[in-house]
């Protein structure tokens, strides 16, 4: 007998992937350059040349047996050391290699972090709008996901609703800043307020409430700002990172969990992640990718194109009368739909070859997401289609 849980999941398709596949098929008909595909958050700029050069150097000069050998269960020592050094230098932390656990991107990092600080029957809270894949990461661990309703005007944390939902079953809170899908960046004041609420709740409930920080967009921040490092604000934080976005390496599936050295049982969480991997069949990212990223972890791709694209789209949306919060980072923008049913709105947009994602699955019905990690010329050409769609369907 097959597993009924996973069989049932086959009917709950990822709308982002469905729309991306639709865009690809439509591109076969009219040329993909004519499909304004804002569905998938796949980086549109290449990885730094230094990363490619490092891969070539490793393949040409290193001993093949060592290079392609098994990584230790807890990760390649060089990768762990270089990540710890980088985080300490950049954010004033005091990680050691023993606080770093390599993972297959931020998805693997969140999945491990969830299991490290919860047990079946516990609850994790997150804030809408949120990344829909949190559902399988969390419920797959036997943990309940509680979604705090969005502040629909600011898209920042709805602290009043959070206070109501925070209870003794809450083992952890999962945040994502800069945020997918909204592009919103949490300020230092917001993080300090959240941290104080978690400290107070930990005393009240008699157990530490962990903070899981999902931060693959940490380097994609606009207007000359930087993203506050979440772990600086709260001791019991596990940072979950991916090099998919900043280094433009989504297909390499490389990230990590960084355990705040001050958190509860900090010396045991990385070894525990190793045991979690045994149950998941995870067993670390490829050795060669760990080594190559170890030498290039302080670099980023040329991320400036995303800010250019943001400004083009934001200005046009405002001109057309959309209600939209200006993103502080990422490569997403999250306007309100021009009708209550964003699914219907996005279906209408497809007639104009605009591929937009309704936000029902993000916990924010009535909004839609645009992933503007596409060529700037294509963004410019899409604006006429956006204007035509808006005026013909809603004016």
Foldseek 3Di string as FASTA:
>chain_A
DDDPVVVVCVVVDDLLVVLVVVLVVVCVVVNSLQFAAQRDQAFQFAFDVLLVVLLVCCVVPPDPCVQQDAAPLQGNQLLLQLVQVVCCVPAVARFHSLQKGKFQFLLRALLLVLLLQDAAPAEEEEEPLADLVVVCSNVVRNYHYHYQAAPVQARDGPVVSVVVPDDLSQREYEYEAVGPPALAADDPVRLLVVQVVQVVRCVVNVHHYAYEYEYQFQPFFDDPDGHRDNCVRHQRYKYRYGLCHFRVPNVQRITIIGHRPRHDPSSCSSVVSSVVCVVVVGRHGGSNSSVSCSVVVVHGTPNVVLVVLLVLVVVLCVVLPWNWDRRRGDNKTKTFAPDQAVVVSQVLLVVLSHHWAASVSSNDGRIIMGRRSHDPVSSVVCSVSVNCSCVVPPD
